[in-house]
Amino acid sequence: MLVVWLYGIDTSAHQGAIEVGGKTIAVLGSGFDYIFPEENKSLYKKILQHDGLVMTEYSPDTKPKSTNFLERNRIISGISIGVLVIESAYRSGTSVTARIAKKQGKLVFALPHEIDNKLGIGTNRLIQNGAILVTKVEDIIQQYPFLKYDKNKEVDILQIEKEKKQPDKRYCEIFNLILEKPLSLDEIYKKSSKSVGEINHILLMLELDGYIRKTSEGYVCI
């Protein structure tokens, strides 16, 4: 059973679990009236159709915000037997989840990255601090004797890291603007063709995934 949240590599994990006949659990950072991101509403329905579970601690009318996602991370680690970190910037929600998991007595796994990869700073640090280095599925499976898998179908998950060097292509316009220099929301709006609502959505997604953070100077790349 796989427990992740709905975005990027996690979306792929949900879909992959369903495709092989597995069951998956999604933990929302919002109420059920606000499936987030909206483009994953179809995945939300698919999880339920395949005997999976979508859960939240928030009332139906609760809108998504970054603090909600950080809070619900304790639930993700709490119902998991372990946590695998694929990417993590210096400061990110992912590192918070790993820290909580360790306190809960769960195993923490991490994918190693190049030392100059800003999205690998967190994973490399986790490994330095005792997380289990992972380069293939077997590195995880062997820690849990009760799990079984087909070695003939084993996939080297380093390939996953190669596929996610940049943000989602839908967010690249905004990300590239911030990459040049720190920008305020107003400055981003003036330089972009998108609406304020679209920009706010993209900024939240980029911040949650560890690509950017908000400072007194504006939004900056991590």
N, C-alpha and C. Protein backbone atom coordinates (compact mmCIF):
# COMPACT_ATOMS: atom_id res chain seq x y z
N MET A 1 0.84 -1.18 0.00
CA MET A 1 0.00 0.00 0.00
C MET A 1 0.88 1.23 0.00
N LEU A 2 0.59 2.20 -0.87
CA LEU A 2 1.44 3.36 -1.06
C LEU A 2 0.74 4.60 -0.52
N VAL A 3 1.47 5.42 0.22
CA VAL A 3 0.90 6.63 0.79
C VAL A 3 1.71 7.83 0.32
N VAL A 4 1.10 8.68 -0.50
CA VAL A 4 1.77 9.86 -1.00
C VAL A 4 0.73 10.97 -1.17
N TRP A 5 1.15 12.15 -1.64
CA TRP A 5 0.17 13.20 -1.90
C TRP A 5 0.19 13.57 -3.36
N LEU A 6 -0.79 14.32 -3.81
CA LEU A 6 -1.08 14.47 -5.22
C LEU A 6 -0.30 15.58 -5.92
N TYR A 7 0.89 15.30 -6.37
CA TYR A 7 1.62 16.25 -7.19
C TYR A 7 2.91 15.62 -7.68
N GLY A 8 3.27 15.94 -8.97
CA GLY A 8 4.54 15.52 -9.51
C GLY A 8 4.83 14.03 -9.41
N ILE A 9 5.98 13.70 -8.81
CA ILE A 9 6.38 12.32 -8.68
C ILE A 9 5.36 11.53 -7.87
N ASP A 10 4.69 12.21 -6.95
CA ASP A 10 3.70 11.55 -6.12
C ASP A 10 2.47 11.15 -6.94
N THR A 11 2.09 12.00 -7.86
CA THR A 11 0.98 11.67 -8.77
C THR A 11 1.33 10.42 -9.57
N SER A 12 2.56 10.36 -10.05
CA SER A 12 3.01 9.19 -10.80
C SER A 12 2.98 7.94 -9.93
N ALA A 13 3.32 8.10 -8.66
CA ALA A 13 3.32 6.96 -7.74
C ALA A 13 1.90 6.44 -7.53
N HIS A 14 0.94 7.35 -7.36
CA HIS A 14 -0.46 6.95 -7.23
C HIS A 14 -0.91 6.18 -8.47
N GLN A 15 -0.62 6.76 -9.62
CA GLN A 15 -1.04 6.15 -10.88
C GLN A 15 -0.36 4.80 -11.07
N GLY A 16 0.92 4.71 -10.73
CA GLY A 16 1.64 3.46 -10.87
C GLY A 16 1.07 2.37 -9.98
N ALA A 17 0.71 2.74 -8.75
CA ALA A 17 0.12 1.76 -7.83
C ALA A 17 -1.19 1.22 -8.39
N ILE A 18 -2.00 2.10 -8.96
CA ILE A 18 -3.28 1.69 -9.52
C ILE A 18 -3.08 0.79 -10.74
N GLU A 19 -2.13 1.15 -11.59
CA GLU A 19 -1.89 0.40 -12.82
C GLU A 19 -1.45 -1.04 -12.57
N VAL A 20 -0.78 -1.28 -11.45
CA VAL A 20 -0.33 -2.65 -11.15
C VAL A 20 -1.28 -3.37 -10.20
N GLY A 21 -2.45 -2.77 -9.98
CA GLY A 21 -3.45 -3.43 -9.15
C GLY A 21 -3.27 -3.21 -7.67
N GLY A 22 -2.47 -2.24 -7.29
CA GLY A 22 -2.27 -1.96 -5.87
C GLY A 22 -3.29 -0.97 -5.34
N LYS A 23 -3.20 -0.69 -4.04
CA LYS A 23 -4.08 0.28 -3.41
C LYS A 23 -3.23 1.44 -2.89
N THR A 24 -3.76 2.62 -2.99
CA THR A 24 -2.98 3.79 -2.63
C THR A 24 -3.80 4.73 -1.75
N ILE A 25 -3.13 5.45 -0.86
CA ILE A 25 -3.79 6.38 0.05
C ILE A 25 -3.25 7.79 -0.20
N ALA A 26 -4.16 8.74 -0.39
CA ALA A 26 -3.78 10.14 -0.57
C ALA A 26 -4.24 10.94 0.65
N VAL A 27 -3.37 11.77 1.18
CA VAL A 27 -3.70 12.62 2.32
C VAL A 27 -3.72 14.07 1.84
N LEU A 28 -4.87 14.71 1.94
CA LEU A 28 -5.04 16.06 1.40
C LEU A 28 -4.61 17.14 2.38
N GLY A 29 -4.22 18.28 1.83
CA GLY A 29 -3.91 19.45 2.64
C GLY A 29 -5.03 20.46 2.52
N SER A 30 -6.24 19.96 2.28
CA SER A 30 -7.42 20.80 2.10
C SER A 30 -8.65 19.96 2.42
N GLY A 31 -9.83 20.58 2.30
CA GLY A 31 -11.07 19.84 2.48
C GLY A 31 -11.48 19.18 1.17
N PHE A 32 -12.48 18.30 1.24
CA PHE A 32 -12.90 17.57 0.05
C PHE A 32 -13.55 18.46 -1.02
N ASP A 33 -13.96 19.67 -0.65
CA ASP A 33 -14.52 20.59 -1.64
C ASP A 33 -13.44 21.23 -2.50
N TYR A 34 -12.18 21.06 -2.09
CA TYR A 34 -11.06 21.69 -2.80
C TYR A 34 -9.96 20.67 -3.08
N ILE A 35 -10.20 19.77 -4.01
CA ILE A 35 -9.15 18.83 -4.42
C ILE A 35 -8.04 19.64 -5.06
N PHE A 36 -6.81 19.43 -4.60
CA PHE A 36 -5.71 20.28 -5.05
C PHE A 36 -4.49 19.46 -5.41
N PRO A 37 -3.87 19.71 -6.56
CA PRO A 37 -4.29 20.66 -7.59
C PRO A 37 -5.53 20.18 -8.34
N GLU A 38 -6.27 21.08 -8.94
CA GLU A 38 -7.54 20.76 -9.58
C GLU A 38 -7.40 19.72 -10.69
N GLU A 39 -6.25 19.73 -11.36
CA GLU A 39 -6.06 18.79 -12.47
C GLU A 39 -6.00 17.34 -12.01
N ASN A 40 -5.93 17.13 -10.70
CA ASN A 40 -5.88 15.76 -10.18
C ASN A 40 -7.23 15.25 -9.68
N LYS A 41 -8.30 15.96 -10.03
CA LYS A 41 -9.64 15.49 -9.63
C LYS A 41 -9.93 14.12 -10.22
N SER A 42 -9.50 13.90 -11.45
CA SER A 42 -9.74 12.60 -12.09
C SER A 42 -8.95 11.50 -11.37
N LEU A 43 -7.75 11.81 -10.91
CA LEU A 43 -6.95 10.85 -10.17
C LEU A 43 -7.60 10.56 -8.82
N TYR A 44 -8.15 11.58 -8.19
CA TYR A 44 -8.87 11.43 -6.92
C TYR A 44 -9.99 10.40 -7.08
N LYS A 45 -10.76 10.52 -8.17
CA LYS A 45 -11.87 9.59 -8.42
C LYS A 45 -11.33 8.19 -8.72
N LYS A 46 -10.22 8.13 -9.46
CA LYS A 46 -9.66 6.84 -9.83
C LYS A 46 -9.16 6.08 -8.61
N ILE A 47 -8.57 6.80 -7.66
CA ILE A 47 -8.09 6.15 -6.42
C ILE A 47 -9.25 5.48 -5.70
N LEU A 48 -10.36 6.17 -5.61
CA LEU A 48 -11.54 5.63 -4.93
C LEU A 48 -12.15 4.47 -5.70
N GLN A 49 -12.15 4.58 -7.02
CA GLN A 49 -12.72 3.52 -7.86
C GLN A 49 -11.92 2.23 -7.75
N HIS A 50 -10.65 2.33 -7.37
CA HIS A 50 -9.79 1.15 -7.26
C HIS A 50 -9.53 0.78 -5.80
N ASP A 51 -10.52 1.02 -4.95
CA ASP A 51 -10.47 0.63 -3.53
C ASP A 51 -9.35 1.28 -2.76
N GLY A 52 -8.93 2.47 -3.20
CA GLY A 52 -7.95 3.23 -2.45
C GLY A 52 -8.65 4.13 -1.45
N LEU A 53 -7.91 5.06 -0.89
CA LEU A 53 -8.46 5.93 0.15
C LEU A 53 -7.93 7.34 -0.02
N VAL A 54 -8.82 8.33 0.09
CA VAL A 54 -8.42 9.73 0.13
C VAL A 54 -8.90 10.27 1.46
N MET A 55 -7.99 10.83 2.25
CA MET A 55 -8.35 11.26 3.59
C MET A 55 -7.87 12.67 3.88
N THR A 56 -8.54 13.33 4.82
CA THR A 56 -8.14 14.67 5.24
C THR A 56 -8.64 14.92 6.66
N GLU A 57 -7.92 15.75 7.40
CA GLU A 57 -8.36 16.12 8.75
C GLU A 57 -9.12 17.44 8.74
N TYR A 58 -9.24 18.04 7.54
CA TYR A 58 -9.86 19.35 7.44
C TYR A 58 -11.33 19.27 7.03
N SER A 59 -12.10 20.27 7.41
CA SER A 59 -13.52 20.32 7.04
C SER A 59 -13.63 20.51 5.54
N PRO A 60 -14.74 20.09 4.93
CA PRO A 60 -14.89 20.12 3.47
C PRO A 60 -14.60 21.47 2.83
N ASP A 61 -14.89 22.59 3.54
CA ASP A 61 -14.74 23.90 2.94
C ASP A 61 -13.36 24.53 3.17
N THR A 62 -12.40 23.74 3.68
CA THR A 62 -11.06 24.27 3.93
C THR A 62 -10.26 24.36 2.64
N LYS A 63 -9.77 25.56 2.31
CA LYS A 63 -8.99 25.76 1.09
C LYS A 63 -7.54 25.34 1.32
N PRO A 64 -6.85 24.93 0.27
CA PRO A 64 -5.45 24.51 0.42
C PRO A 64 -4.53 25.68 0.71
N LYS A 65 -3.59 25.49 1.61
CA LYS A 65 -2.55 26.48 1.86
C LYS A 65 -1.31 25.74 2.35
N SER A 66 -0.17 26.38 2.24
CA SER A 66 1.10 25.69 2.50
C SER A 66 1.19 25.12 3.90
N THR A 67 0.66 25.83 4.91
CA THR A 67 0.75 25.32 6.28
C THR A 67 -0.05 24.03 6.46
N ASN A 68 -1.16 23.90 5.73
CA ASN A 68 -1.96 22.68 5.80
C ASN A 68 -1.15 21.47 5.34
N PHE A 69 -0.39 21.67 4.28
CA PHE A 69 0.39 20.55 3.74
C PHE A 69 1.50 20.14 4.70
N LEU A 70 2.08 21.11 5.38
CA LEU A 70 3.10 20.78 6.36
C LEU A 70 2.49 20.03 7.54
N GLU A 71 1.30 20.46 7.96
CA GLU A 71 0.63 19.81 9.09
C GLU A 71 0.24 18.38 8.77
N ARG A 72 -0.28 18.15 7.57
CA ARG A 72 -0.76 16.80 7.26
C ARG A 72 0.38 15.81 7.00
N ASN A 73 1.61 16.31 6.91
CA ASN A 73 2.74 15.42 6.68
C ASN A 73 2.93 14.42 7.83
N ARG A 74 2.53 14.81 9.03
CA ARG A 74 2.64 13.90 10.17
C ARG A 74 1.70 12.70 9.99
N ILE A 75 0.60 12.92 9.26
CA ILE A 75 -0.34 11.83 9.00
C ILE A 75 0.24 10.88 7.97
N ILE A 76 0.85 11.45 6.94
CA ILE A 76 1.48 10.63 5.90
C ILE A 76 2.52 9.69 6.50
N SER A 77 3.42 10.26 7.30
CA SER A 77 4.46 9.42 7.92
C SER A 77 3.86 8.49 8.96
N GLY A 78 2.82 8.94 9.64
CA GLY A 78 2.22 8.14 10.70
C GLY A 78 1.57 6.86 10.21
N ILE A 79 1.00 6.89 9.02
CA ILE A 79 0.32 5.70 8.49
C ILE A 79 1.20 4.91 7.53
N SER A 80 2.46 5.33 7.43
CA SER A 80 3.41 4.65 6.54
C SER A 80 4.36 3.76 7.35
N ILE A 81 4.90 2.75 6.70
CA ILE A 81 5.91 1.92 7.37
C ILE A 81 7.30 2.52 7.17
N GLY A 82 7.42 3.46 6.27
CA GLY A 82 8.68 4.13 6.00
C GLY A 82 8.46 5.28 5.05
N VAL A 83 9.45 6.15 4.91
CA VAL A 83 9.33 7.32 4.04
C VAL A 83 10.52 7.35 3.08
N LEU A 84 10.24 7.44 1.79
CA LEU A 84 11.28 7.56 0.77
C LEU A 84 11.30 8.99 0.26
N VAL A 85 12.45 9.66 0.35
CA VAL A 85 12.59 11.03 -0.12
C VAL A 85 13.33 11.02 -1.46
N ILE A 86 12.65 11.47 -2.50
CA ILE A 86 13.23 11.50 -3.84
C ILE A 86 14.04 12.77 -4.06
N GLU A 87 13.46 13.91 -3.69
CA GLU A 87 14.14 15.20 -3.81
C GLU A 87 13.84 16.04 -2.58
N SER A 88 14.78 16.86 -2.19
CA SER A 88 14.55 17.75 -1.06
C SER A 88 15.56 18.89 -1.10
N ALA A 89 15.05 20.11 -1.14
CA ALA A 89 15.93 21.27 -1.09
C ALA A 89 16.42 21.46 0.35
N TYR A 90 17.18 22.52 0.58
CA TYR A 90 17.73 22.77 1.91
C TYR A 90 16.62 22.83 2.96
N ARG A 91 15.57 23.56 2.63
CA ARG A 91 14.39 23.62 3.49
C ARG A 91 13.17 23.27 2.64
N SER A 92 12.42 22.29 3.05
CA SER A 92 11.25 21.88 2.29
C SER A 92 10.31 21.08 3.16
N GLY A 93 9.07 20.94 2.68
CA GLY A 93 8.09 20.13 3.39
C GLY A 93 8.52 18.68 3.47
N THR A 94 9.27 18.24 2.47
CA THR A 94 9.74 16.86 2.45
C THR A 94 10.67 16.57 3.62
N SER A 95 11.57 17.52 3.90
CA SER A 95 12.49 17.32 5.02
C SER A 95 11.74 17.30 6.35
N VAL A 96 10.65 18.07 6.42
CA VAL A 96 9.82 18.06 7.63
C VAL A 96 9.21 16.67 7.82
N THR A 97 8.70 16.10 6.73
CA THR A 97 8.11 14.77 6.80
C THR A 97 9.13 13.74 7.26
N ALA A 98 10.35 13.83 6.72
CA ALA A 98 11.41 12.89 7.10
C ALA A 98 11.75 13.02 8.58
N ARG A 99 11.80 14.25 9.07
CA ARG A 99 12.11 14.48 10.48
C ARG A 99 11.02 13.91 11.38
N ILE A 100 9.76 14.10 10.99
CA ILE A 100 8.64 13.57 11.76
C ILE A 100 8.68 12.05 11.75
N ALA A 101 8.94 11.48 10.59
CA ALA A 101 8.99 10.02 10.47
C ALA A 101 10.04 9.42 11.39
N LYS A 102 11.19 10.08 11.46
CA LYS A 102 12.27 9.59 12.33
C LYS A 102 11.83 9.61 13.79
N LYS A 103 11.13 10.67 14.19
CA LYS A 103 10.64 10.78 15.56
C LYS A 103 9.60 9.69 15.86
N GLN A 104 8.86 9.30 14.81
CA GLN A 104 7.83 8.28 14.97
C GLN A 104 8.41 6.86 14.93
N GLY A 105 9.72 6.77 14.74
CA GLY A 105 10.37 5.47 14.70
C GLY A 105 10.27 4.77 13.36
N LYS A 106 9.98 5.51 12.30
CA LYS A 106 9.88 4.94 10.96
C LYS A 106 11.22 5.01 10.24
N LEU A 107 11.45 4.08 9.33
CA LEU A 107 12.67 4.12 8.53
C LEU A 107 12.55 5.23 7.50
N VAL A 108 13.66 5.93 7.27
CA VAL A 108 13.71 6.99 6.27
C VAL A 108 14.71 6.60 5.19
N PHE A 109 14.28 6.65 3.95
CA PHE A 109 15.11 6.30 2.80
C PHE A 109 15.32 7.56 1.96
N ALA A 110 16.46 7.66 1.29
CA ALA A 110 16.72 8.85 0.47
C ALA A 110 17.51 8.49 -0.79
N LEU A 111 17.17 9.18 -1.84
CA LEU A 111 17.87 9.00 -3.12
C LEU A 111 19.04 9.96 -3.19
N PRO A 112 20.27 9.50 -3.40
CA PRO A 112 21.43 10.40 -3.45
C PRO A 112 21.42 11.28 -4.69
N HIS A 113 21.99 12.47 -4.57
CA HIS A 113 22.04 13.43 -5.68
C HIS A 113 23.45 13.98 -5.85
N GLU A 114 23.66 14.63 -7.01
CA GLU A 114 24.94 15.31 -7.22
C GLU A 114 25.07 16.42 -6.20
N ILE A 115 26.28 16.73 -5.76
CA ILE A 115 26.48 17.71 -4.70
C ILE A 115 26.12 19.13 -5.14
N ASP A 116 26.05 19.41 -6.44
CA ASP A 116 25.70 20.75 -6.90
C ASP A 116 24.22 20.85 -7.29
N ASN A 117 23.44 19.83 -7.00
CA ASN A 117 22.01 19.84 -7.30
C ASN A 117 21.27 20.41 -6.10
N LYS A 118 20.66 21.59 -6.27
CA LYS A 118 20.00 22.25 -5.14
C LYS A 118 18.82 21.45 -4.60
N LEU A 119 18.24 20.60 -5.45
CA LEU A 119 17.12 19.78 -4.99
C LEU A 119 17.59 18.46 -4.38
N GLY A 120 18.91 18.32 -4.26
CA GLY A 120 19.45 17.12 -3.63
C GLY A 120 20.14 17.41 -2.31
N ILE A 121 20.19 18.68 -1.94
CA ILE A 121 20.85 19.06 -0.68
C ILE A 121 20.20 18.34 0.49
N GLY A 122 18.87 18.34 0.51
CA GLY A 122 18.16 17.71 1.61
C GLY A 122 18.33 16.21 1.67
N THR A 123 18.28 15.56 0.51
CA THR A 123 18.42 14.10 0.49
C THR A 123 19.82 13.67 0.91
N ASN A 124 20.83 14.38 0.42
CA ASN A 124 22.21 14.04 0.80
C ASN A 124 22.43 14.25 2.30
N ARG A 125 21.82 15.29 2.83
CA ARG A 125 21.95 15.55 4.27
C ARG A 125 21.25 14.46 5.08
N LEU A 126 20.09 13.99 4.59
CA LEU A 126 19.39 12.91 5.28
C LEU A 126 20.26 11.66 5.35
N ILE A 127 20.94 11.37 4.24
CA ILE A 127 21.82 10.20 4.20
C ILE A 127 22.97 10.38 5.19
N GLN A 128 23.53 11.59 5.25
CA GLN A 128 24.59 11.88 6.22
C GLN A 128 24.12 11.63 7.64
N ASN A 129 22.85 11.90 7.88
CA ASN A 129 22.29 11.78 9.23
C ASN A 129 21.64 10.43 9.50
N GLY A 130 21.90 9.44 8.63
CA GLY A 130 21.45 8.10 8.93
C GLY A 130 20.35 7.52 8.07
N ALA A 131 19.82 8.29 7.13
CA ALA A 131 18.81 7.75 6.23
C ALA A 131 19.43 6.66 5.36
N ILE A 132 18.64 5.69 4.94
CA ILE A 132 19.13 4.58 4.14
C ILE A 132 19.24 5.01 2.67
N LEU A 133 20.45 4.90 2.13
CA LEU A 133 20.68 5.28 0.74
C LEU A 133 20.00 4.28 -0.19
N VAL A 134 19.27 4.80 -1.18
CA VAL A 134 18.51 3.94 -2.08
C VAL A 134 18.90 4.19 -3.53
N THR A 135 19.25 3.12 -4.23
CA THR A 135 19.49 3.20 -5.68
C THR A 135 18.63 2.21 -6.45
N LYS A 136 17.98 1.30 -5.73
CA LYS A 136 17.11 0.33 -6.38
C LYS A 136 16.05 -0.13 -5.39
N VAL A 137 14.99 -0.71 -5.90
CA VAL A 137 13.85 -1.12 -5.09
C VAL A 137 14.27 -2.06 -3.97
N GLU A 138 15.20 -2.94 -4.26
CA GLU A 138 15.62 -3.93 -3.28
C GLU A 138 16.17 -3.29 -2.01
N ASP A 139 16.76 -2.09 -2.12
CA ASP A 139 17.30 -1.41 -0.95
C ASP A 139 16.21 -1.13 0.08
N ILE A 140 14.99 -0.97 -0.39
CA ILE A 140 13.86 -0.73 0.51
C ILE A 140 13.24 -2.05 0.94
N ILE A 141 12.99 -2.92 -0.01
CA ILE A 141 12.31 -4.19 0.26
C ILE A 141 13.03 -5.01 1.31
N GLN A 142 14.36 -5.03 1.26
CA GLN A 142 15.11 -5.89 2.17
C GLN A 142 15.01 -5.43 3.63
N GLN A 143 14.54 -4.22 3.84
CA GLN A 143 14.35 -3.73 5.21
C GLN A 143 13.05 -4.24 5.83
N TYR A 144 12.18 -4.80 4.98
CA TYR A 144 10.88 -5.29 5.45
C TYR A 144 10.69 -6.73 5.00
N PRO A 145 11.04 -7.70 5.82
CA PRO A 145 10.97 -9.11 5.45
C PRO A 145 9.60 -9.58 4.98
N PHE A 146 8.56 -8.90 5.42
CA PHE A 146 7.20 -9.33 5.06
C PHE A 146 6.78 -8.86 3.66
N LEU A 147 7.60 -8.02 3.02
CA LEU A 147 7.28 -7.56 1.67
C LEU A 147 7.91 -8.48 0.63
N LYS A 148 7.20 -8.66 -0.46
CA LYS A 148 7.71 -9.49 -1.55
C LYS A 148 7.65 -8.70 -2.85
N TYR A 149 8.54 -9.05 -3.75
CA TYR A 149 8.53 -8.38 -5.05
C TYR A 149 9.17 -9.27 -6.10
N ASP A 150 8.91 -8.96 -7.35
CA ASP A 150 9.45 -9.72 -8.48
C ASP A 150 10.75 -9.05 -8.93
N LYS A 151 11.87 -9.70 -8.68
CA LYS A 151 13.17 -9.11 -9.05
C LYS A 151 13.27 -8.83 -10.54
N ASN A 152 12.56 -9.61 -11.34
CA ASN A 152 12.62 -9.42 -12.79
C ASN A 152 12.01 -8.09 -13.22
N LYS A 153 11.18 -7.49 -12.34
CA LYS A 153 10.53 -6.23 -12.66
C LYS A 153 11.14 -5.07 -11.91
N GLU A 154 12.27 -5.30 -11.26
CA GLU A 154 12.91 -4.26 -10.47
C GLU A 154 13.37 -3.11 -11.37
N VAL A 155 13.15 -1.89 -10.89
CA VAL A 155 13.52 -0.70 -11.64
C VAL A 155 14.49 0.14 -10.81
N ASP A 156 15.55 0.58 -11.43
CA ASP A 156 16.50 1.45 -10.75
C ASP A 156 15.87 2.82 -10.61
N ILE A 157 15.57 3.27 -9.36
CA ILE A 157 14.85 4.52 -9.19
C ILE A 157 15.72 5.75 -9.41
N LEU A 158 17.00 5.56 -9.68
CA LEU A 158 17.80 6.71 -10.10
C LEU A 158 17.25 7.30 -11.39
N GLN A 159 16.54 6.46 -12.17
CA GLN A 159 15.95 6.94 -13.41
C GLN A 159 14.88 7.97 -13.11
N ILE A 160 14.20 7.85 -11.99
CA ILE A 160 13.16 8.81 -11.60
C ILE A 160 13.78 10.19 -11.41
N GLU A 161 14.94 10.21 -10.75
CA GLU A 161 15.61 11.48 -10.49
C GLU A 161 15.99 12.18 -11.78
N LYS A 162 16.38 11.40 -12.79
CA LYS A 162 16.79 11.99 -14.06
C LYS A 162 15.62 12.65 -14.78
N GLU A 163 14.41 12.17 -14.50
CA GLU A 163 13.23 12.67 -15.20
C GLU A 163 12.66 13.94 -14.56
N LYS A 164 13.23 14.36 -13.45
CA LYS A 164 12.67 15.52 -12.75
C LYS A 164 13.74 16.53 -12.37
N LYS A 165 14.36 17.10 -13.40
CA LYS A 165 15.38 18.11 -13.16
C LYS A 165 14.77 19.50 -13.06
N GLN A 166 13.65 19.72 -13.72
CA GLN A 166 13.01 21.01 -13.77
C GLN A 166 11.58 20.91 -13.25
N PRO A 167 10.98 22.05 -12.87
CA PRO A 167 9.58 22.02 -12.43
C PRO A 167 8.69 21.55 -13.56
N ASP A 168 7.46 21.24 -13.22
CA ASP A 168 6.45 20.89 -14.22
C ASP A 168 6.45 21.96 -15.30
N LYS A 169 6.35 21.54 -16.56
CA LYS A 169 6.46 22.50 -17.68
C LYS A 169 5.39 23.59 -17.63
N ARG A 170 4.26 23.30 -16.96
CA ARG A 170 3.21 24.30 -16.83
C ARG A 170 3.63 25.46 -15.94
N TYR A 171 4.66 25.25 -15.12
CA TYR A 171 5.10 26.26 -14.16
C TYR A 171 6.42 26.90 -14.55
N CYS A 172 6.98 26.49 -15.67
CA CYS A 172 8.33 26.95 -16.05
C CYS A 172 8.38 28.44 -16.36
N GLU A 173 7.31 29.00 -16.92
CA GLU A 173 7.33 30.43 -17.25
C GLU A 173 7.57 31.27 -15.99
N ILE A 174 6.82 30.97 -14.94
CA ILE A 174 6.97 31.71 -13.69
C ILE A 174 8.31 31.38 -13.03
N PHE A 175 8.67 30.11 -13.03
CA PHE A 175 9.93 29.71 -12.40
C PHE A 175 11.11 30.39 -13.06
N ASN A 176 11.11 30.47 -14.38
CA ASN A 176 12.23 31.08 -15.10
C ASN A 176 12.33 32.58 -14.82
N LEU A 177 11.19 33.23 -14.58
CA LEU A 177 11.22 34.65 -14.22
C LEU A 177 11.92 34.84 -12.88
N ILE A 178 11.56 34.00 -11.92
CA ILE A 178 12.15 34.09 -10.58
C ILE A 178 13.61 33.66 -10.61
N LEU A 179 13.95 32.79 -11.54
CA LEU A 179 15.32 32.29 -11.65
C LEU A 179 16.28 33.43 -11.97
N GLU A 180 15.79 34.42 -12.70
CA GLU A 180 16.64 35.56 -13.10
C GLU A 180 16.98 36.45 -11.91
N LYS A 181 15.96 36.73 -11.07
CA LYS A 181 16.18 37.57 -9.89
C LYS A 181 14.94 37.49 -9.00
N PRO A 182 15.07 37.85 -7.71
CA PRO A 182 13.90 37.82 -6.82
C PRO A 182 12.82 38.76 -7.34
N LEU A 183 11.58 38.32 -7.29
CA LEU A 183 10.46 39.12 -7.78
C LEU A 183 9.29 39.07 -6.80
N SER A 184 8.59 40.19 -6.68
CA SER A 184 7.37 40.23 -5.88
C SER A 184 6.22 39.71 -6.74
N LEU A 185 5.08 39.45 -6.11
CA LEU A 185 3.92 38.99 -6.85
C LEU A 185 3.53 40.01 -7.91
N ASP A 186 3.57 41.29 -7.58
CA ASP A 186 3.21 42.35 -8.52
C ASP A 186 4.17 42.37 -9.71
N GLU A 187 5.45 42.19 -9.45
CA GLU A 187 6.45 42.18 -10.53
C GLU A 187 6.27 40.96 -11.43
N ILE A 188 5.94 39.83 -10.83
CA ILE A 188 5.71 38.62 -11.62
C ILE A 188 4.50 38.81 -12.51
N TYR A 189 3.45 39.42 -11.96
CA TYR A 189 2.22 39.66 -12.73
C TYR A 189 2.50 40.55 -13.95
N LYS A 190 3.32 41.57 -13.76
CA LYS A 190 3.63 42.49 -14.86
C LYS A 190 4.43 41.81 -15.97
N LYS A 191 5.25 40.84 -15.60
CA LYS A 191 6.10 40.17 -16.58
C LYS A 191 5.45 38.94 -17.20
N SER A 192 4.37 38.47 -16.59
CA SER A 192 3.74 37.22 -17.03
C SER A 192 2.44 37.49 -17.80
N SER A 193 2.03 36.51 -18.59
CA SER A 193 0.77 36.59 -19.33
C SER A 193 -0.38 35.96 -18.56
N LYS A 194 -0.10 35.45 -17.36
CA LYS A 194 -1.10 34.73 -16.58
C LYS A 194 -1.86 35.64 -15.62
N SER A 195 -3.01 35.17 -15.17
CA SER A 195 -3.81 35.92 -14.22
C SER A 195 -3.21 35.81 -12.83
N VAL A 196 -3.64 36.68 -11.92
CA VAL A 196 -3.14 36.65 -10.54
C VAL A 196 -3.47 35.30 -9.90
N GLY A 197 -4.68 34.79 -10.18
CA GLY A 197 -5.08 33.50 -9.61
C GLY A 197 -4.17 32.38 -10.08
N GLU A 198 -3.84 32.37 -11.37
CA GLU A 198 -2.95 31.34 -11.91
C GLU A 198 -1.55 31.47 -11.31
N ILE A 199 -1.09 32.69 -11.17
CA ILE A 199 0.25 32.91 -10.62
C ILE A 199 0.32 32.45 -9.17
N ASN A 200 -0.70 32.78 -8.38
CA ASN A 200 -0.72 32.35 -6.97
C ASN A 200 -0.69 30.83 -6.87
N HIS A 201 -1.44 30.16 -7.74
CA HIS A 201 -1.46 28.70 -7.75
C HIS A 201 -0.07 28.14 -8.06
N ILE A 202 0.58 28.69 -9.09
CA ILE A 202 1.89 28.22 -9.51
C ILE A 202 2.94 28.48 -8.42
N LEU A 203 2.88 29.65 -7.81
CA LEU A 203 3.84 29.99 -6.75
C LEU A 203 3.70 29.02 -5.58
N LEU A 204 2.47 28.68 -5.24
CA LEU A 204 2.25 27.74 -4.14
C LEU A 204 2.82 26.37 -4.48
N MET A 205 2.59 25.91 -5.70
CA MET A 205 3.09 24.60 -6.12
C MET A 205 4.62 24.58 -6.13
N LEU A 206 5.22 25.64 -6.64
CA LEU A 206 6.69 25.72 -6.69
C LEU A 206 7.28 25.77 -5.28
N GLU A 207 6.60 26.48 -4.38
CA GLU A 207 7.07 26.58 -3.00
C GLU A 207 6.95 25.25 -2.27
N LEU A 208 5.82 24.56 -2.48
CA LEU A 208 5.61 23.28 -1.82
C LEU A 208 6.60 22.22 -2.29
N ASP A 209 6.99 22.31 -3.56
CA ASP A 209 7.92 21.31 -4.10
C ASP A 209 9.38 21.69 -3.91
N GLY A 210 9.61 22.81 -3.21
CA GLY A 210 10.99 23.15 -2.85
C GLY A 210 11.79 23.88 -3.91
N TYR A 211 11.12 24.45 -4.92
CA TYR A 211 11.85 25.17 -5.95
C TYR A 211 12.08 26.64 -5.57
N ILE A 212 11.15 27.22 -4.83
CA ILE A 212 11.24 28.64 -4.48
C ILE A 212 10.86 28.83 -3.01
N ARG A 213 11.12 30.04 -2.50
CA ARG A 213 10.61 30.42 -1.19
C ARG A 213 10.36 31.93 -1.19
N LYS A 214 9.51 32.37 -0.28
CA LYS A 214 9.16 33.78 -0.20
C LYS A 214 10.06 34.46 0.82
N THR A 215 10.65 35.60 0.44
CA THR A 215 11.50 36.38 1.34
C THR A 215 11.05 37.83 1.33
N SER A 216 11.73 38.67 2.10
CA SER A 216 11.40 40.11 2.13
C SER A 216 11.66 40.77 0.80
N GLU A 217 12.52 40.15 -0.01
CA GLU A 217 12.85 40.70 -1.33
C GLU A 217 11.90 40.19 -2.40
N GLY A 218 11.06 39.24 -2.06
CA GLY A 218 10.16 38.65 -3.03
C GLY A 218 10.37 37.15 -3.11
N TYR A 219 9.91 36.52 -4.16
CA TYR A 219 10.09 35.09 -4.34
C TYR A 219 11.47 34.82 -4.94
N VAL A 220 12.19 33.87 -4.35
CA VAL A 220 13.54 33.55 -4.83
C VAL A 220 13.65 32.05 -5.05
N CYS A 221 14.53 31.65 -5.94
CA CYS A 221 14.78 30.23 -6.19
C CYS A 221 15.68 29.69 -5.08
N ILE A 222 15.44 28.47 -4.69
CA ILE A 222 16.22 27.85 -3.62
C ILE A 222 17.46 27.17 -4.21
